[in-house]
Amino acid sequence: MTAPRSLTPVLVALAISGCATLGPTTQQQSARAAWDRCPKTANLALTSIEPNGLVRYRAMSGPAGARELSECLTATGVPSLVVVASAP
């Protein structure tokens, strides 16, 4: 059985609003706390934290500080992935 056409937009709106009210996961909260605590050089920028707690960050002008940050995050149990931006 399918929903009547007039009900479909309402169901879509409810689904979207339900997703928008969800807060960060426990893993994301822990990962953000670790990110805030770990030392970082000025060229490192947080790009995202996945729901599973994976921290993605970018090294803007070379890899300086990326290894140290990765080691700090790993020591706190937070997985990470760095992308080193190439020179134009």
N, C-alpha and C. Protein backbone atom coordinates (compact mmCIF):
# COMPACT_ATOMS: atom_id res chain seq x y z
N MET A 1 0.84 -1.17 0.00
CA MET A 1 0.00 0.00 0.00
C MET A 1 0.90 1.24 0.00
N THR A 2 0.55 2.24 -0.78
CA THR A 2 1.33 3.47 -0.84
C THR A 2 0.55 4.61 -0.21
N ALA A 3 1.28 5.64 0.19
CA ALA A 3 0.63 6.81 0.78
C ALA A 3 -0.06 7.62 -0.29
N PRO A 4 -1.20 8.23 0.04
CA PRO A 4 -1.87 9.09 -0.93
C PRO A 4 -0.95 10.25 -1.32
N ARG A 5 -1.12 10.79 -2.53
CA ARG A 5 -0.25 11.86 -3.03
C ARG A 5 -0.22 13.07 -2.09
N SER A 6 -1.33 13.40 -1.47
CA SER A 6 -1.37 14.58 -0.60
C SER A 6 -0.59 14.35 0.69
N LEU A 7 -0.37 13.12 1.07
CA LEU A 7 0.34 12.79 2.30
C LEU A 7 1.85 12.71 2.08
N THR A 8 2.30 12.45 0.88
CA THR A 8 3.72 12.28 0.58
C THR A 8 4.56 13.50 0.97
N PRO A 9 4.18 14.74 0.59
CA PRO A 9 5.00 15.90 1.01
C PRO A 9 5.09 16.04 2.52
N VAL A 10 4.02 15.69 3.22
CA VAL A 10 4.02 15.78 4.68
C VAL A 10 5.02 14.78 5.26
N LEU A 11 5.01 13.57 4.73
CA LEU A 11 5.94 12.54 5.21
C LEU A 11 7.39 12.93 4.94
N VAL A 12 7.64 13.50 3.78
CA VAL A 12 9.00 13.95 3.44
C VAL A 12 9.42 15.06 4.39
N ALA A 13 8.56 16.00 4.65
CA ALA A 13 8.88 17.12 5.55
C ALA A 13 9.16 16.61 6.96
N LEU A 14 8.39 15.64 7.42
CA LEU A 14 8.62 15.08 8.75
C LEU A 14 9.96 14.35 8.82
N ALA A 15 10.28 13.61 7.77
CA ALA A 15 11.56 12.89 7.74
C ALA A 15 12.73 13.86 7.77
N ILE A 16 12.65 14.93 7.01
CA ILE A 16 13.73 15.92 6.97
C ILE A 16 13.86 16.63 8.31
N SER A 17 12.76 17.04 8.88
CA SER A 17 12.82 17.76 10.16
C SER A 17 13.30 16.84 11.27
N GLY A 18 12.97 15.56 11.20
CA GLY A 18 13.45 14.61 12.21
C GLY A 18 14.96 14.47 12.16
N CYS A 19 15.53 14.43 10.97
CA CYS A 19 16.98 14.32 10.83
C CYS A 19 17.67 15.59 11.30
N ALA A 20 17.06 16.72 11.10
CA ALA A 20 17.68 17.99 11.46
C ALA A 20 17.76 18.17 12.97
N THR A 21 16.91 17.47 13.72
CA THR A 21 16.91 17.65 15.17
C THR A 21 17.88 16.73 15.88
N LEU A 22 18.44 15.78 15.18
CA LEU A 22 19.40 14.87 15.81
C LEU A 22 20.69 15.60 16.09
N GLY A 23 21.22 15.41 17.28
CA GLY A 23 22.48 16.05 17.65
C GLY A 23 23.65 15.17 17.27
N PRO A 24 24.85 15.62 17.61
CA PRO A 24 26.04 14.84 17.31
C PRO A 24 26.04 13.53 18.11
N THR A 25 26.65 12.51 17.53
CA THR A 25 26.76 11.22 18.21
C THR A 25 27.76 11.33 19.35
N THR A 26 27.74 10.35 20.22
CA THR A 26 28.70 10.29 21.32
C THR A 26 30.12 10.25 20.78
N GLN A 27 30.33 9.49 19.70
CA GLN A 27 31.66 9.40 19.08
C GLN A 27 32.10 10.76 18.54
N GLN A 28 31.17 11.50 17.93
CA GLN A 28 31.51 12.83 17.42
C GLN A 28 31.86 13.78 18.56
N GLN A 29 31.13 13.71 19.64
CA GLN A 29 31.41 14.57 20.78
C GLN A 29 32.79 14.26 21.37
N SER A 30 33.12 12.97 21.50
CA SER A 30 34.43 12.58 22.01
C SER A 30 35.54 13.02 21.07
N ALA A 31 35.31 12.85 19.77
CA ALA A 31 36.30 13.24 18.77
C ALA A 31 36.53 14.74 18.79
N ARG A 32 35.47 15.52 18.93
CA ARG A 32 35.62 16.98 18.98
C ARG A 32 36.39 17.41 20.23
N ALA A 33 36.12 16.76 21.35
CA ALA A 33 36.84 17.08 22.58
C ALA A 33 38.33 16.76 22.41
N ALA A 34 38.64 15.63 21.77
CA ALA A 34 40.04 15.28 21.52
C ALA A 34 40.68 16.28 20.57
N TRP A 35 39.97 16.67 19.52
CA TRP A 35 40.48 17.68 18.58
C TRP A 35 40.81 18.97 19.32
N ASP A 36 39.93 19.40 20.18
CA ASP A 36 40.14 20.65 20.92
C ASP A 36 41.33 20.56 21.87
N ARG A 37 41.58 19.38 22.45
CA ARG A 37 42.68 19.19 23.40
C ARG A 37 44.04 19.02 22.73
N CYS A 38 44.07 18.41 21.56
CA CYS A 38 45.35 18.11 20.91
C CYS A 38 46.00 19.37 20.34
N PRO A 39 47.34 19.45 20.42
CA PRO A 39 48.03 20.61 19.85
C PRO A 39 47.97 20.58 18.32
N LYS A 40 47.81 21.75 17.74
CA LYS A 40 47.73 21.86 16.28
C LYS A 40 48.55 23.05 15.80
N THR A 41 49.15 22.88 14.63
CA THR A 41 49.83 24.01 14.00
C THR A 41 48.79 24.80 13.21
N ALA A 42 49.13 26.02 12.85
CA ALA A 42 48.18 26.92 12.19
C ALA A 42 47.73 26.42 10.83
N ASN A 43 48.49 25.55 10.20
CA ASN A 43 48.13 25.08 8.86
C ASN A 43 47.14 23.92 8.87
N LEU A 44 46.72 23.44 10.03
CA LEU A 44 45.80 22.31 10.11
C LEU A 44 44.39 22.81 10.37
N ALA A 45 43.44 22.30 9.60
CA ALA A 45 42.05 22.73 9.73
C ALA A 45 41.12 21.52 9.76
N LEU A 46 40.22 21.50 10.70
CA LEU A 46 39.21 20.44 10.79
C LEU A 46 38.26 20.57 9.61
N THR A 47 38.03 19.45 8.91
CA THR A 47 37.08 19.49 7.79
C THR A 47 35.76 18.82 8.17
N SER A 48 35.82 17.71 8.94
CA SER A 48 34.58 17.07 9.37
C SER A 48 34.88 16.03 10.44
N ILE A 49 33.82 15.66 11.15
CA ILE A 49 33.88 14.54 12.08
C ILE A 49 32.71 13.63 11.71
N GLU A 50 33.04 12.42 11.30
CA GLU A 50 32.02 11.46 10.87
C GLU A 50 31.21 10.97 12.08
N PRO A 51 30.01 10.43 11.86
CA PRO A 51 29.21 9.91 12.98
C PRO A 51 29.93 8.84 13.80
N ASN A 52 30.85 8.09 13.17
CA ASN A 52 31.61 7.07 13.90
C ASN A 52 32.81 7.64 14.65
N GLY A 53 33.01 8.96 14.59
CA GLY A 53 34.10 9.62 15.31
C GLY A 53 35.36 9.84 14.50
N LEU A 54 35.38 9.45 13.25
CA LEU A 54 36.55 9.67 12.40
C LEU A 54 36.72 11.16 12.15
N VAL A 55 37.89 11.68 12.51
CA VAL A 55 38.20 13.10 12.31
C VAL A 55 38.91 13.25 10.97
N ARG A 56 38.39 14.12 10.14
CA ARG A 56 39.02 14.43 8.87
C ARG A 56 39.53 15.87 8.96
N TYR A 57 40.80 16.05 8.61
CA TYR A 57 41.36 17.39 8.65
C TYR A 57 42.31 17.59 7.49
N ARG A 58 42.62 18.85 7.21
CA ARG A 58 43.42 19.22 6.06
C ARG A 58 44.66 19.96 6.52
N ALA A 59 45.78 19.61 5.89
CA ALA A 59 47.03 20.34 6.09
C ALA A 59 47.16 21.27 4.89
N MET A 60 47.05 22.55 5.14
CA MET A 60 46.94 23.53 4.06
C MET A 60 48.27 23.85 3.36
N SER A 61 49.34 23.98 4.09
CA SER A 61 50.61 24.38 3.45
C SER A 61 51.72 23.40 3.81
N GLY A 62 51.46 22.13 3.57
CA GLY A 62 52.44 21.10 3.91
C GLY A 62 52.01 20.33 5.14
N PRO A 63 52.71 19.24 5.41
CA PRO A 63 52.29 18.33 6.49
C PRO A 63 52.77 18.70 7.89
N ALA A 64 53.33 19.88 8.08
CA ALA A 64 53.85 20.26 9.40
C ALA A 64 52.79 20.09 10.48
N GLY A 65 53.13 19.34 11.52
CA GLY A 65 52.23 19.15 12.65
C GLY A 65 51.21 18.05 12.47
N ALA A 66 51.04 17.52 11.27
CA ALA A 66 50.01 16.51 11.02
C ALA A 66 50.30 15.21 11.76
N ARG A 67 51.57 14.80 11.77
CA ARG A 67 51.93 13.55 12.45
C ARG A 67 51.67 13.67 13.96
N GLU A 68 52.06 14.78 14.55
CA GLU A 68 51.87 14.98 15.97
C GLU A 68 50.38 14.99 16.33
N LEU A 69 49.58 15.65 15.51
CA LEU A 69 48.13 15.69 15.75
C LEU A 69 47.54 14.29 15.63
N SER A 70 47.94 13.56 14.60
CA SER A 70 47.45 12.21 14.41
C SER A 70 47.80 11.32 15.60
N GLU A 71 49.04 11.45 16.09
CA GLU A 71 49.46 10.66 17.25
C GLU A 71 48.65 11.02 18.49
N CYS A 72 48.38 12.29 18.68
CA CYS A 72 47.59 12.73 19.82
C CYS A 72 46.17 12.19 19.73
N LEU A 73 45.56 12.28 18.57
CA LEU A 73 44.20 11.78 18.40
C LEU A 73 44.16 10.27 18.61
N THR A 74 45.14 9.56 18.06
CA THR A 74 45.21 8.10 18.22
C THR A 74 45.36 7.73 19.69
N ALA A 75 46.18 8.48 20.43
CA ALA A 75 46.38 8.21 21.85
C ALA A 75 45.09 8.34 22.65
N THR A 76 44.16 9.15 22.17
CA THR A 76 42.87 9.30 22.85
C THR A 76 41.82 8.35 22.29
N GLY A 77 42.22 7.50 21.34
CA GLY A 77 41.29 6.52 20.77
C GLY A 77 40.45 7.05 19.63
N VAL A 78 40.85 8.18 19.06
CA VAL A 78 40.08 8.80 17.98
C VAL A 78 40.78 8.54 16.64
N PRO A 79 40.10 7.89 15.68
CA PRO A 79 40.71 7.69 14.37
C PRO A 79 40.71 9.00 13.59
N SER A 80 41.71 9.15 12.71
CA SER A 80 41.77 10.39 11.93
C SER A 80 42.31 10.12 10.54
N LEU A 81 42.05 11.08 9.66
CA LEU A 81 42.52 11.02 8.29
C LEU A 81 42.89 12.44 7.88
N VAL A 82 44.12 12.60 7.40
CA VAL A 82 44.57 13.93 6.98
C VAL A 82 44.67 13.96 5.47
N VAL A 83 44.32 15.11 4.91
CA VAL A 83 44.51 15.37 3.48
C VAL A 83 45.49 16.51 3.39
N VAL A 84 46.61 16.27 2.71
CA VAL A 84 47.61 17.33 2.54
C VAL A 84 47.30 18.03 1.22
N ALA A 85 47.00 19.32 1.32
CA ALA A 85 46.68 20.10 0.13
C ALA A 85 47.96 20.31 -0.69
N SER A 86 47.85 20.10 -1.98
CA SER A 86 49.02 20.30 -2.85
C SER A 86 49.11 21.76 -3.26
N ALA A 87 50.33 22.16 -3.54
CA ALA A 87 50.55 23.55 -3.97
C ALA A 87 49.94 23.75 -5.35
N PRO A 88 49.36 24.94 -5.60
CA PRO A 88 48.72 25.18 -6.89
C PRO A 88 49.71 25.25 -8.02
